[in-house]
Amino acid sequence: MSSNGIQFGQRGAARARIIAAILLLCFVMLFFFRIGHWLVREDPLRKSAAIVVLSGAMPDRALEAAEIYRSGYAPEVWITQPTQPRQVMQTLGIPFDGEEEYSRRVLVHQGVPQNAIRILSPTIMNTADEMDLIANSLKRANGTGVIIVTSKAHTRRVHALWNRIKGGRGQIIVRAAVADSFDPSHWWRSTHDALDVVREVLGLLNVWAGLPLKPAR
């Protein structure tokens, strides 16, 4: 092969690498700017056996659950019980009613009757525990579906976890708290939103990998 042919081939290979690099950069930029919206996966509301308040982000999730209850989508509101910080407080000898108790008070304050509120047992460590607990509770209640209230960036991972562990034990409708400040269009402008995105992406990778990473106990 002539030297001109070799040079032409090298230039062609260099152009191909440049084009590939540009396409990869475009994909990365698109992923960066759209991932906030991709993480938010809400479902249309419909009648269900119960509304479930996932632990965390208090009082936003309880406020949203109360609003959905008042709209008549379910006869009960279920609350999960996180293990922490209750265990640490007990170890320190400091009285702590538990996050579930404060969520219950928010619900009552917002017009949900006491007899319509149910605190689920046992306690949970993470969202995977919550999904398993909800599925078992739904089966015992002979229900076909529940409305799960969480935060915006957490909605897709809730779906992923449910699809992995539900074992045919009903369907979920996932809703985000309206009061949640997460901005999917500009998540990189806030450290809180950026941490939410990183946590949710890592959490989804863990789900897709089969949940090899477990919470510390």
N, C-alpha and C. Protein backbone atom coordinates (compact mmCIF):
# COMPACT_ATOMS: atom_id res chain seq x y z
N MET A 1 0.85 -1.20 0.00
CA MET A 1 0.00 0.00 0.00
C MET A 1 0.88 1.25 0.00
N SER A 2 0.47 2.25 -0.80
CA SER A 2 1.26 3.48 -0.89
C SER A 2 1.15 4.29 0.39
N SER A 3 2.11 5.22 0.51
CA SER A 3 2.09 6.08 1.70
C SER A 3 0.84 6.95 1.72
N ASN A 4 0.35 7.37 0.53
CA ASN A 4 -0.87 8.18 0.46
C ASN A 4 -2.07 7.39 0.96
N GLY A 5 -2.09 6.10 0.58
CA GLY A 5 -3.20 5.27 1.03
C GLY A 5 -3.19 5.07 2.54
N ILE A 6 -2.00 4.89 3.08
CA ILE A 6 -1.88 4.73 4.53
C ILE A 6 -2.33 5.99 5.26
N GLN A 7 -1.89 7.15 4.75
CA GLN A 7 -2.27 8.42 5.37
C GLN A 7 -3.79 8.63 5.29
N PHE A 8 -4.35 8.26 4.12
CA PHE A 8 -5.81 8.42 3.96
C PHE A 8 -6.55 7.53 4.97
N GLY A 9 -6.06 6.30 5.13
CA GLY A 9 -6.68 5.40 6.09
C GLY A 9 -6.56 5.90 7.52
N GLN A 10 -5.42 6.48 7.86
CA GLN A 10 -5.22 7.01 9.20
C GLN A 10 -6.14 8.20 9.46
N ARG A 11 -6.26 9.06 8.39
CA ARG A 11 -7.16 10.22 8.54
C ARG A 11 -8.62 9.76 8.71
N GLY A 12 -8.99 8.72 7.96
CA GLY A 12 -10.35 8.19 8.09
C GLY A 12 -10.61 7.63 9.47
N ALA A 13 -9.63 6.89 10.00
CA ALA A 13 -9.78 6.32 11.34
C ALA A 13 -9.85 7.42 12.40
N ALA A 14 -9.05 8.48 12.21
CA ALA A 14 -9.07 9.61 13.15
C ALA A 14 -10.42 10.31 13.12
N ARG A 15 -10.97 10.51 11.89
CA ARG A 15 -12.29 11.14 11.78
C ARG A 15 -13.35 10.29 12.45
N ALA A 16 -13.26 8.96 12.28
CA ALA A 16 -14.23 8.06 12.90
C ALA A 16 -14.17 8.16 14.42
N ARG A 17 -12.95 8.24 14.96
CA ARG A 17 -12.81 8.36 16.41
C ARG A 17 -13.38 9.68 16.90
N ILE A 18 -13.16 10.75 16.14
CA ILE A 18 -13.69 12.07 16.53
C ILE A 18 -15.21 12.05 16.52
N ILE A 19 -15.78 11.48 15.45
CA ILE A 19 -17.25 11.40 15.35
C ILE A 19 -17.81 10.57 16.50
N ALA A 20 -17.15 9.44 16.81
CA ALA A 20 -17.60 8.60 17.91
C ALA A 20 -17.53 9.34 19.24
N ALA A 21 -16.46 10.12 19.42
CA ALA A 21 -16.30 10.88 20.66
C ALA A 21 -17.39 11.95 20.78
N ILE A 22 -17.71 12.59 19.65
CA ILE A 22 -18.76 13.63 19.66
C ILE A 22 -20.11 13.02 19.98
N LEU A 23 -20.40 11.86 19.36
CA LEU A 23 -21.68 11.19 19.62
C LEU A 23 -21.78 10.76 21.08
N LEU A 24 -20.67 10.25 21.61
CA LEU A 24 -20.66 9.84 23.02
C LEU A 24 -20.88 11.04 23.93
N LEU A 25 -20.23 12.16 23.60
CA LEU A 25 -20.40 13.37 24.40
C LEU A 25 -21.85 13.84 24.35
N CYS A 26 -22.46 13.80 23.15
CA CYS A 26 -23.86 14.20 23.01
C CYS A 26 -24.76 13.31 23.86
N PHE A 27 -24.48 12.00 23.84
CA PHE A 27 -25.28 11.07 24.64
C PHE A 27 -25.13 11.37 26.13
N VAL A 28 -23.91 11.60 26.57
CA VAL A 28 -23.66 11.90 27.98
C VAL A 28 -24.37 13.18 28.39
N MET A 29 -24.31 14.21 27.54
CA MET A 29 -24.96 15.48 27.85
C MET A 29 -26.48 15.32 27.90
N LEU A 30 -27.03 14.54 26.94
CA LEU A 30 -28.47 14.30 26.94
C LEU A 30 -28.88 13.56 28.20
N PHE A 31 -28.10 12.54 28.58
CA PHE A 31 -28.37 11.78 29.80
C PHE A 31 -28.30 12.69 31.02
N PHE A 32 -27.30 13.56 31.06
CA PHE A 32 -27.10 14.46 32.19
C PHE A 32 -28.32 15.37 32.36
N PHE A 33 -28.78 15.95 31.26
CA PHE A 33 -29.86 16.93 31.36
C PHE A 33 -31.24 16.29 31.51
N ARG A 34 -31.41 15.04 31.09
CA ARG A 34 -32.72 14.40 31.13
C ARG A 34 -32.90 13.43 32.28
N ILE A 35 -31.83 13.10 32.98
CA ILE A 35 -31.96 12.06 34.01
C ILE A 35 -32.91 12.46 35.12
N GLY A 36 -33.00 13.74 35.44
CA GLY A 36 -33.93 14.18 36.48
C GLY A 36 -35.36 13.83 36.12
N HIS A 37 -35.74 14.10 34.86
CA HIS A 37 -37.09 13.76 34.40
C HIS A 37 -37.29 12.25 34.34
N TRP A 38 -36.25 11.53 33.93
CA TRP A 38 -36.35 10.08 33.82
C TRP A 38 -36.59 9.42 35.17
N LEU A 39 -36.01 9.97 36.22
CA LEU A 39 -36.18 9.40 37.55
C LEU A 39 -37.61 9.55 38.07
N VAL A 40 -38.32 10.55 37.59
CA VAL A 40 -39.68 10.81 38.07
C VAL A 40 -40.66 9.98 37.24
N ARG A 41 -41.26 8.99 37.86
CA ARG A 41 -42.20 8.10 37.17
C ARG A 41 -43.46 7.95 38.01
N GLU A 42 -44.45 8.80 37.74
CA GLU A 42 -45.71 8.77 38.47
C GLU A 42 -46.80 8.07 37.64
N ASP A 43 -47.81 7.57 38.35
CA ASP A 43 -48.92 6.88 37.72
C ASP A 43 -50.22 7.65 37.95
N PRO A 44 -51.19 7.49 37.04
CA PRO A 44 -52.51 8.10 37.27
C PRO A 44 -53.18 7.48 38.49
N LEU A 45 -53.86 8.30 39.25
CA LEU A 45 -54.56 7.80 40.44
C LEU A 45 -55.78 6.99 40.05
N ARG A 46 -56.05 5.94 40.84
CA ARG A 46 -57.30 5.18 40.71
C ARG A 46 -57.60 4.55 42.08
N LYS A 47 -58.80 4.09 42.24
CA LYS A 47 -59.22 3.51 43.51
C LYS A 47 -58.31 2.35 43.91
N SER A 48 -57.93 2.32 45.19
CA SER A 48 -57.01 1.30 45.68
C SER A 48 -57.40 0.89 47.09
N ALA A 49 -56.74 -0.17 47.57
CA ALA A 49 -57.05 -0.68 48.90
C ALA A 49 -56.56 0.28 49.99
N ALA A 50 -55.43 0.95 49.74
CA ALA A 50 -54.84 1.83 50.76
C ALA A 50 -53.86 2.79 50.12
N ILE A 51 -53.52 3.81 50.86
CA ILE A 51 -52.46 4.76 50.50
C ILE A 51 -51.32 4.51 51.47
N VAL A 52 -50.11 4.36 50.97
CA VAL A 52 -48.97 4.05 51.83
C VAL A 52 -48.01 5.24 51.88
N VAL A 53 -47.67 5.67 53.09
CA VAL A 53 -46.68 6.73 53.29
C VAL A 53 -45.32 6.07 53.53
N LEU A 54 -44.42 6.18 52.57
CA LEU A 54 -43.08 5.63 52.79
C LEU A 54 -42.33 6.49 53.79
N SER A 55 -41.37 5.89 54.48
CA SER A 55 -40.60 6.63 55.48
C SER A 55 -39.71 7.67 54.81
N GLY A 56 -39.43 8.74 55.53
CA GLY A 56 -38.57 9.80 55.00
C GLY A 56 -39.38 10.99 54.51
N ALA A 57 -38.64 12.10 54.27
CA ALA A 57 -39.22 13.33 53.71
C ALA A 57 -40.47 13.78 54.45
N MET A 58 -40.42 13.73 55.75
CA MET A 58 -41.54 14.16 56.56
C MET A 58 -41.56 15.70 56.66
N PRO A 59 -42.72 16.37 56.55
CA PRO A 59 -44.07 15.81 56.50
C PRO A 59 -44.65 15.72 55.08
N ASP A 60 -43.85 15.99 54.04
CA ASP A 60 -44.37 16.11 52.68
C ASP A 60 -45.18 14.90 52.23
N ARG A 61 -44.65 13.70 52.50
CA ARG A 61 -45.33 12.49 52.03
C ARG A 61 -46.65 12.28 52.75
N ALA A 62 -46.68 12.55 54.05
CA ALA A 62 -47.92 12.42 54.80
C ALA A 62 -48.96 13.44 54.35
N LEU A 63 -48.52 14.64 54.05
CA LEU A 63 -49.44 15.68 53.55
C LEU A 63 -50.06 15.25 52.23
N GLU A 64 -49.25 14.68 51.35
CA GLU A 64 -49.77 14.22 50.05
C GLU A 64 -50.74 13.06 50.23
N ALA A 65 -50.39 12.14 51.12
CA ALA A 65 -51.27 11.00 51.38
C ALA A 65 -52.63 11.47 51.90
N ALA A 66 -52.62 12.47 52.77
CA ALA A 66 -53.88 13.01 53.29
C ALA A 66 -54.72 13.62 52.18
N GLU A 67 -54.08 14.32 51.26
CA GLU A 67 -54.79 14.92 50.14
C GLU A 67 -55.43 13.85 49.26
N ILE A 68 -54.70 12.78 48.99
CA ILE A 68 -55.23 11.69 48.18
C ILE A 68 -56.38 10.99 48.91
N TYR A 69 -56.23 10.82 50.21
CA TYR A 69 -57.30 10.21 51.01
C TYR A 69 -58.57 11.05 50.93
N ARG A 70 -58.43 12.36 51.12
CA ARG A 70 -59.60 13.23 51.09
C ARG A 70 -60.28 13.23 49.73
N SER A 71 -59.51 12.89 48.69
CA SER A 71 -60.10 12.82 47.34
C SER A 71 -60.83 11.51 47.10
N GLY A 72 -60.79 10.60 48.08
CA GLY A 72 -61.59 9.40 48.02
C GLY A 72 -61.00 8.22 47.26
N TYR A 73 -59.67 8.18 47.11
CA TYR A 73 -59.06 7.11 46.33
C TYR A 73 -58.81 5.84 47.13
N ALA A 74 -58.88 5.89 48.45
CA ALA A 74 -58.65 4.70 49.28
C ALA A 74 -59.27 4.91 50.65
N PRO A 75 -59.68 3.81 51.31
CA PRO A 75 -60.32 3.94 52.63
C PRO A 75 -59.34 3.98 53.79
N GLU A 76 -58.07 3.67 53.54
CA GLU A 76 -57.09 3.63 54.62
C GLU A 76 -55.78 4.27 54.19
N VAL A 77 -55.00 4.70 55.20
CA VAL A 77 -53.63 5.16 54.97
C VAL A 77 -52.71 4.31 55.82
N TRP A 78 -51.70 3.70 55.19
CA TRP A 78 -50.74 2.87 55.90
C TRP A 78 -49.42 3.64 56.04
N ILE A 79 -48.76 3.45 57.17
CA ILE A 79 -47.48 4.11 57.45
C ILE A 79 -46.44 3.04 57.78
N THR A 80 -45.26 3.14 57.20
CA THR A 80 -44.18 2.21 57.55
C THR A 80 -43.36 2.78 58.71
N GLN A 81 -42.67 1.88 59.43
CA GLN A 81 -41.88 2.27 60.59
C GLN A 81 -40.40 2.06 60.33
N PRO A 82 -39.61 3.12 60.16
CA PRO A 82 -38.17 2.94 59.99
C PRO A 82 -37.49 2.56 61.30
N THR A 83 -36.50 1.70 61.20
CA THR A 83 -35.75 1.27 62.39
C THR A 83 -34.97 2.43 63.01
N GLN A 84 -34.42 3.28 62.14
CA GLN A 84 -33.65 4.43 62.60
C GLN A 84 -34.43 5.72 62.38
N PRO A 85 -34.28 6.74 63.25
CA PRO A 85 -33.29 6.80 64.35
C PRO A 85 -33.78 6.24 65.68
N ARG A 86 -34.89 5.50 65.66
CA ARG A 86 -35.45 5.00 66.91
C ARG A 86 -34.43 4.20 67.73
N GLN A 87 -33.71 3.27 67.07
CA GLN A 87 -32.74 2.44 67.79
C GLN A 87 -31.65 3.26 68.45
N VAL A 88 -31.13 4.23 67.72
CA VAL A 88 -30.06 5.07 68.27
C VAL A 88 -30.58 5.87 69.46
N MET A 89 -31.80 6.43 69.34
CA MET A 89 -32.38 7.21 70.44
C MET A 89 -32.58 6.34 71.67
N GLN A 90 -33.05 5.11 71.45
CA GLN A 90 -33.25 4.22 72.59
C GLN A 90 -31.92 3.88 73.28
N THR A 91 -30.89 3.68 72.46
CA THR A 91 -29.56 3.39 73.01
C THR A 91 -29.06 4.55 73.87
N LEU A 92 -29.37 5.76 73.44
CA LEU A 92 -28.95 6.95 74.17
C LEU A 92 -29.86 7.27 75.36
N GLY A 93 -30.98 6.55 75.43
CA GLY A 93 -31.92 6.82 76.51
C GLY A 93 -32.73 8.08 76.29
N ILE A 94 -32.88 8.48 75.02
CA ILE A 94 -33.63 9.69 74.69
C ILE A 94 -35.01 9.30 74.16
N PRO A 95 -36.08 9.81 74.76
CA PRO A 95 -37.43 9.46 74.27
C PRO A 95 -37.62 9.91 72.82
N PHE A 96 -38.17 9.03 72.00
CA PHE A 96 -38.44 9.36 70.60
C PHE A 96 -39.67 8.58 70.17
N ASP A 97 -40.69 9.28 69.72
CA ASP A 97 -41.95 8.64 69.37
C ASP A 97 -41.89 7.84 68.08
N GLY A 98 -40.90 8.15 67.23
CA GLY A 98 -40.81 7.46 65.96
C GLY A 98 -41.38 8.29 64.83
N GLU A 99 -40.75 8.21 63.66
CA GLU A 99 -41.23 8.97 62.51
C GLU A 99 -42.67 8.64 62.17
N GLU A 100 -43.04 7.38 62.34
CA GLU A 100 -44.41 6.97 61.98
C GLU A 100 -45.45 7.69 62.83
N GLU A 101 -45.09 7.98 64.09
CA GLU A 101 -46.02 8.67 64.97
C GLU A 101 -46.23 10.11 64.50
N TYR A 102 -45.16 10.77 64.08
CA TYR A 102 -45.30 12.14 63.59
C TYR A 102 -46.08 12.17 62.27
N SER A 103 -45.86 11.17 61.42
CA SER A 103 -46.64 11.09 60.18
C SER A 103 -48.12 10.88 60.50
N ARG A 104 -48.39 10.05 61.51
CA ARG A 104 -49.78 9.83 61.93
C ARG A 104 -50.43 11.14 62.39
N ARG A 105 -49.67 11.91 63.15
CA ARG A 105 -50.21 13.19 63.64
C ARG A 105 -50.49 14.15 62.48
N VAL A 106 -49.61 14.15 61.50
CA VAL A 106 -49.83 15.00 60.31
C VAL A 106 -51.11 14.57 59.60
N LEU A 107 -51.30 13.27 59.44
CA LEU A 107 -52.50 12.76 58.77
C LEU A 107 -53.76 13.18 59.52
N VAL A 108 -53.75 13.01 60.85
CA VAL A 108 -54.91 13.40 61.65
C VAL A 108 -55.16 14.89 61.54
N HIS A 109 -54.10 15.67 61.60
CA HIS A 109 -54.22 17.13 61.48
C HIS A 109 -54.84 17.52 60.14
N GLN A 110 -54.57 16.72 59.11
CA GLN A 110 -55.08 17.03 57.77
C GLN A 110 -56.42 16.36 57.48
N GLY A 111 -57.04 15.81 58.49
CA GLY A 111 -58.41 15.33 58.33
C GLY A 111 -58.60 13.85 58.11
N VAL A 112 -57.54 13.07 58.26
CA VAL A 112 -57.69 11.61 58.12
C VAL A 112 -58.12 11.04 59.48
N PRO A 113 -59.23 10.29 59.53
CA PRO A 113 -59.68 9.74 60.82
C PRO A 113 -58.67 8.76 61.41
N GLN A 114 -58.62 8.73 62.72
CA GLN A 114 -57.71 7.82 63.41
C GLN A 114 -57.93 6.37 62.98
N ASN A 115 -59.19 5.97 62.85
CA ASN A 115 -59.48 4.57 62.53
C ASN A 115 -59.18 4.21 61.08
N ALA A 116 -58.77 5.21 60.28
CA ALA A 116 -58.40 4.95 58.89
C ALA A 116 -56.89 4.87 58.72
N ILE A 117 -56.16 5.01 59.84
CA ILE A 117 -54.69 5.00 59.79
C ILE A 117 -54.17 3.70 60.38
N ARG A 118 -53.26 3.07 59.66
CA ARG A 118 -52.68 1.80 60.11
C ARG A 118 -51.16 1.88 60.03
N ILE A 119 -50.49 1.61 61.14
CA ILE A 119 -49.03 1.58 61.16
C ILE A 119 -48.58 0.13 60.95
N LEU A 120 -47.84 -0.08 59.87
CA LEU A 120 -47.44 -1.43 59.49
C LEU A 120 -46.28 -1.94 60.33
N SER A 121 -46.28 -3.24 60.58
CA SER A 121 -45.18 -3.92 61.29
C SER A 121 -44.72 -5.10 60.44
N PRO A 122 -43.43 -5.48 60.59
CA PRO A 122 -42.39 -4.98 61.49
C PRO A 122 -41.75 -3.71 60.95
N THR A 123 -40.70 -3.25 61.66
CA THR A 123 -39.96 -2.08 61.21
C THR A 123 -39.16 -2.41 59.97
N ILE A 124 -38.75 -1.36 59.25
CA ILE A 124 -38.04 -1.54 57.99
C ILE A 124 -36.69 -0.82 58.03
N MET A 125 -35.75 -1.32 57.21
CA MET A 125 -34.43 -0.70 57.11
C MET A 125 -34.30 0.17 55.87
N ASN A 126 -34.97 -0.23 54.78
CA ASN A 126 -34.81 0.48 53.51
C ASN A 126 -36.05 0.29 52.65
N THR A 127 -36.01 0.81 51.42
CA THR A 127 -37.18 0.75 50.54
C THR A 127 -37.50 -0.67 50.12
N ALA A 128 -36.48 -1.51 49.95
CA ALA A 128 -36.74 -2.91 49.60
C ALA A 128 -37.56 -3.58 50.70
N ASP A 129 -37.21 -3.32 51.96
CA ASP A 129 -37.99 -3.86 53.08
C ASP A 129 -39.43 -3.35 53.01
N GLU A 130 -39.58 -2.07 52.69
CA GLU A 130 -40.91 -1.48 52.61
C GLU A 130 -41.76 -2.15 51.54
N MET A 131 -41.18 -2.40 50.36
CA MET A 131 -41.94 -3.03 49.29
C MET A 131 -42.40 -4.42 49.70
N ASP A 132 -41.53 -5.18 50.35
CA ASP A 132 -41.89 -6.52 50.80
C ASP A 132 -43.00 -6.45 51.85
N LEU A 133 -42.87 -5.52 52.77
CA LEU A 133 -43.87 -5.34 53.82
C LEU A 133 -45.22 -4.94 53.23
N ILE A 134 -45.20 -4.02 52.28
CA ILE A 134 -46.44 -3.56 51.65
C ILE A 134 -47.11 -4.69 50.88
N ALA A 135 -46.31 -5.46 50.16
CA ALA A 135 -46.86 -6.59 49.39
C ALA A 135 -47.52 -7.61 50.31
N ASN A 136 -46.87 -7.92 51.42
CA ASN A 136 -47.44 -8.87 52.38
C ASN A 136 -48.71 -8.32 53.03
N SER A 137 -48.68 -7.03 53.36
CA SER A 137 -49.85 -6.40 53.98
C SER A 137 -51.02 -6.36 53.00
N LEU A 138 -50.73 -6.10 51.75
CA LEU A 138 -51.77 -6.06 50.72
C LEU A 138 -52.39 -7.44 50.54
N LYS A 139 -51.55 -8.46 50.56
CA LYS A 139 -52.06 -9.84 50.42
C LYS A 139 -52.96 -10.21 51.58
N ARG A 140 -52.55 -9.84 52.82
CA ARG A 140 -53.37 -10.14 53.99
C ARG A 140 -54.70 -9.40 53.95
N ALA A 141 -54.70 -8.20 53.35
CA ALA A 141 -55.92 -7.40 53.25
C ALA A 141 -56.79 -7.80 52.06
N ASN A 142 -56.32 -8.79 51.29
CA ASN A 142 -57.03 -9.23 50.08
C ASN A 142 -57.26 -8.09 49.10
N GLY A 143 -56.30 -7.17 49.06
CA GLY A 143 -56.40 -6.04 48.14
C GLY A 143 -55.66 -6.33 46.85
N THR A 144 -56.00 -5.59 45.82
CA THR A 144 -55.35 -5.78 44.52
C THR A 144 -54.32 -4.70 44.21
N GLY A 145 -54.36 -3.60 44.96
CA GLY A 145 -53.40 -2.54 44.67
C GLY A 145 -53.37 -1.48 45.74
N VAL A 146 -52.24 -0.75 45.79
CA VAL A 146 -52.08 0.34 46.75
C VAL A 146 -51.49 1.56 46.05
N ILE A 147 -51.70 2.71 46.64
CA ILE A 147 -51.08 3.95 46.19
C ILE A 147 -49.91 4.22 47.11
N ILE A 148 -48.72 4.31 46.55
CA ILE A 148 -47.52 4.56 47.35
C ILE A 148 -47.07 6.00 47.15
N VAL A 149 -46.92 6.71 48.25
CA VAL A 149 -46.51 8.12 48.21
C VAL A 149 -45.05 8.23 48.63
N THR A 150 -44.25 8.84 47.78
CA THR A 150 -42.83 9.01 48.07
C THR A 150 -42.38 10.36 47.53
N SER A 151 -41.07 10.53 47.33
CA SER A 151 -40.53 11.77 46.77
C SER A 151 -40.35 11.61 45.26
N LYS A 152 -40.23 12.71 44.56
CA LYS A 152 -40.21 12.69 43.10
C LYS A 152 -39.10 11.81 42.53
N ALA A 153 -37.86 12.06 42.96
CA ALA A 153 -36.73 11.33 42.40
C ALA A 153 -36.73 9.85 42.78
N HIS A 154 -37.52 9.50 43.79
CA HIS A 154 -37.54 8.13 44.30
C HIS A 154 -38.56 7.24 43.58
N THR A 155 -39.43 7.84 42.77
CA THR A 155 -40.56 7.10 42.19
C THR A 155 -40.11 5.96 41.28
N ARG A 156 -39.12 6.17 40.43
CA ARG A 156 -38.70 5.10 39.52
C ARG A 156 -38.11 3.92 40.29
N ARG A 157 -37.34 4.18 41.31
CA ARG A 157 -36.73 3.08 42.06
C ARG A 157 -37.80 2.29 42.82
N VAL A 158 -38.84 2.96 43.28
CA VAL A 158 -39.95 2.25 43.92
C VAL A 158 -40.56 1.26 42.94
N HIS A 159 -40.80 1.70 41.72
CA HIS A 159 -41.33 0.81 40.69
C HIS A 159 -40.39 -0.38 40.46
N ALA A 160 -39.10 -0.10 40.34
CA ALA A 160 -38.12 -1.15 40.05
C ALA A 160 -38.07 -2.18 41.18
N LEU A 161 -38.10 -1.72 42.41
CA LEU A 161 -38.07 -2.63 43.56
C LEU A 161 -39.34 -3.47 43.63
N TRP A 162 -40.47 -2.84 43.41
CA TRP A 162 -41.74 -3.58 43.45
C TRP A 162 -41.76 -4.66 42.37
N ASN A 163 -41.35 -4.32 41.17
CA ASN A 163 -41.34 -5.29 40.08
C ASN A 163 -40.41 -6.47 40.39
N ARG A 164 -39.40 -6.22 41.19
CA ARG A 164 -38.44 -7.29 41.51
C ARG A 164 -38.94 -8.22 42.59
N ILE A 165 -39.63 -7.68 43.60
CA ILE A 165 -39.95 -8.50 44.77
C ILE A 165 -41.42 -8.82 44.95
N LYS A 166 -42.32 -8.23 44.18
CA LYS A 166 -43.74 -8.34 44.49
C LYS A 166 -44.25 -9.78 44.42
N GLY A 167 -43.72 -10.60 43.51
CA GLY A 167 -44.16 -11.99 43.43
C GLY A 167 -45.64 -12.13 43.16
N GLY A 168 -46.19 -11.26 42.31
CA GLY A 168 -47.61 -11.36 41.98
C GLY A 168 -48.55 -10.89 43.06
N ARG A 169 -48.05 -10.12 44.02
CA ARG A 169 -48.87 -9.74 45.17
C ARG A 169 -49.52 -8.36 44.99
N GLY A 170 -50.05 -8.10 43.83
CA GLY A 170 -50.79 -6.86 43.60
C GLY A 170 -50.03 -5.83 42.79
N GLN A 171 -50.70 -4.71 42.56
CA GLN A 171 -50.15 -3.63 41.75
C GLN A 171 -49.99 -2.36 42.58
N ILE A 172 -49.10 -1.49 42.14
CA ILE A 172 -48.91 -0.22 42.84
C ILE A 172 -49.15 0.96 41.91
N ILE A 173 -49.59 2.03 42.51
CA ILE A 173 -49.66 3.34 41.87
C ILE A 173 -48.70 4.22 42.65
N VAL A 174 -47.70 4.75 41.99
CA VAL A 174 -46.69 5.55 42.69
C VAL A 174 -46.96 7.04 42.43
N ARG A 175 -47.03 7.79 43.50
CA ARG A 175 -47.26 9.22 43.43
C ARG A 175 -46.18 9.96 44.22
N ALA A 176 -45.82 11.13 43.75
CA ALA A 176 -44.82 11.96 44.43
C ALA A 176 -45.51 13.08 45.20
N ALA A 177 -44.91 13.44 46.32
CA ALA A 177 -45.43 14.55 47.11
C ALA A 177 -45.30 15.85 46.32
N VAL A 178 -46.40 16.55 46.17
CA VAL A 178 -46.39 17.81 45.42
C VAL A 178 -45.44 18.82 46.06
N ALA A 179 -45.34 18.78 47.38
CA ALA A 179 -44.50 19.74 48.10
C ALA A 179 -43.01 19.45 47.96
N ASP A 180 -42.64 18.31 47.39
CA ASP A 180 -41.24 17.96 47.20
C ASP A 180 -40.58 19.00 46.29
N SER A 181 -39.44 19.54 46.71
CA SER A 181 -38.79 20.64 45.99
C SER A 181 -37.88 20.17 44.86
N PHE A 182 -37.74 18.87 44.64
CA PHE A 182 -36.86 18.36 43.59
C PHE A 182 -37.22 18.97 42.24
N ASP A 183 -36.20 19.53 41.54
CA ASP A 183 -36.40 20.16 40.24
C ASP A 183 -35.75 19.28 39.16
N PRO A 184 -36.54 18.46 38.45
CA PRO A 184 -35.94 17.55 37.47
C PRO A 184 -35.29 18.24 36.29
N SER A 185 -35.68 19.48 36.01
CA SER A 185 -35.11 20.21 34.87
C SER A 185 -33.77 20.85 35.19
N HIS A 186 -33.51 21.11 36.48
CA HIS A 186 -32.27 21.80 36.88
C HIS A 186 -31.69 21.18 38.15
N TRP A 187 -31.68 19.85 38.23
CA TRP A 187 -31.28 19.17 39.45
C TRP A 187 -29.84 19.47 39.85
N TRP A 188 -28.98 19.79 38.87
CA TRP A 188 -27.56 20.03 39.16
C TRP A 188 -27.31 21.38 39.84
N ARG A 189 -28.33 22.21 39.95
CA ARG A 189 -28.17 23.52 40.59
C ARG A 189 -28.28 23.45 42.11
N SER A 190 -28.73 22.34 42.63
CA SER A 190 -28.93 22.19 44.07
C SER A 190 -28.16 20.98 44.57
N THR A 191 -27.42 21.14 45.66
CA THR A 191 -26.69 20.00 46.22
C THR A 191 -27.67 18.93 46.69
N HIS A 192 -28.80 19.35 47.23
CA HIS A 192 -29.81 18.38 47.70
C HIS A 192 -30.33 17.55 46.53
N ASP A 193 -30.69 18.22 45.43
CA ASP A 193 -31.20 17.50 44.26
C ASP A 193 -30.12 16.62 43.64
N ALA A 194 -28.89 17.14 43.57
CA ALA A 194 -27.79 16.36 42.99
C ALA A 194 -27.54 15.09 43.79
N LEU A 195 -27.59 15.20 45.12
CA LEU A 195 -27.41 14.02 45.97
C LEU A 195 -28.55 13.03 45.77
N ASP A 196 -29.77 13.54 45.58
CA ASP A 196 -30.91 12.67 45.30
C ASP A 196 -30.67 11.88 44.02
N VAL A 197 -30.20 12.56 42.97
CA VAL A 197 -29.96 11.89 41.69
C VAL A 197 -28.89 10.81 41.84
N VAL A 198 -27.79 11.15 42.48
CA VAL A 198 -26.70 10.17 42.67
C VAL A 198 -27.20 8.97 43.46
N ARG A 199 -27.92 9.22 44.53
CA ARG A 199 -28.43 8.13 45.38
C ARG A 199 -29.39 7.24 44.60
N GLU A 200 -30.28 7.85 43.82
CA GLU A 200 -31.27 7.06 43.09
C GLU A 200 -30.64 6.26 41.96
N VAL A 201 -29.67 6.84 41.27
CA VAL A 201 -29.00 6.12 40.18
C VAL A 201 -28.24 4.92 40.76
N LEU A 202 -27.52 5.12 41.86
CA LEU A 202 -26.81 4.02 42.49
C LEU A 202 -27.78 2.97 43.02
N GLY A 203 -28.91 3.43 43.55
CA GLY A 203 -29.92 2.50 44.04
C GLY A 203 -30.52 1.67 42.92
N LEU A 204 -30.77 2.29 41.78
CA LEU A 204 -31.30 1.55 40.63
C LEU A 204 -30.29 0.53 40.12
N LEU A 205 -29.03 0.91 40.07
CA LEU A 205 -27.99 -0.03 39.65
C LEU A 205 -27.96 -1.24 40.59
N ASN A 206 -28.14 -0.99 41.88
CA ASN A 206 -28.16 -2.08 42.85
C ASN A 206 -29.37 -3.00 42.61
N VAL A 207 -30.52 -2.42 42.30
CA VAL A 207 -31.71 -3.22 42.01
C VAL A 207 -31.49 -4.08 40.78
N TRP A 208 -31.00 -3.45 39.70
CA TRP A 208 -30.79 -4.17 38.44
C TRP A 208 -29.75 -5.28 38.59
N ALA A 209 -28.81 -5.09 39.52
CA ALA A 209 -27.77 -6.10 39.75
C ALA A 209 -28.24 -7.23 40.67
N GLY A 210 -29.48 -7.11 41.18
CA GLY A 210 -29.99 -8.16 42.05
C GLY A 210 -29.89 -7.86 43.53
N LEU A 211 -29.70 -6.60 43.89
CA LEU A 211 -29.60 -6.15 45.28
C LEU A 211 -28.43 -6.80 46.03
N PRO A 212 -27.23 -6.75 45.45
CA PRO A 212 -26.08 -7.32 46.16
C PRO A 212 -25.66 -6.48 47.37
N LEU A 213 -25.96 -5.19 47.34
CA LEU A 213 -25.58 -4.31 48.45
C LEU A 213 -26.73 -4.23 49.44
N LYS A 214 -26.45 -4.51 50.70
CA LYS A 214 -27.45 -4.49 51.75
C LYS A 214 -27.17 -3.37 52.72
N PRO A 215 -28.22 -2.88 53.41
CA PRO A 215 -27.99 -1.82 54.39
C PRO A 215 -27.19 -2.33 55.58
N ALA A 216 -26.42 -1.43 56.18
CA ALA A 216 -25.67 -1.80 57.39
C ALA A 216 -26.66 -2.08 58.52
N ARG A 217 -26.33 -3.06 59.35
CA ARG A 217 -27.23 -3.41 60.46
C ARG A 217 -26.48 -3.31 61.79
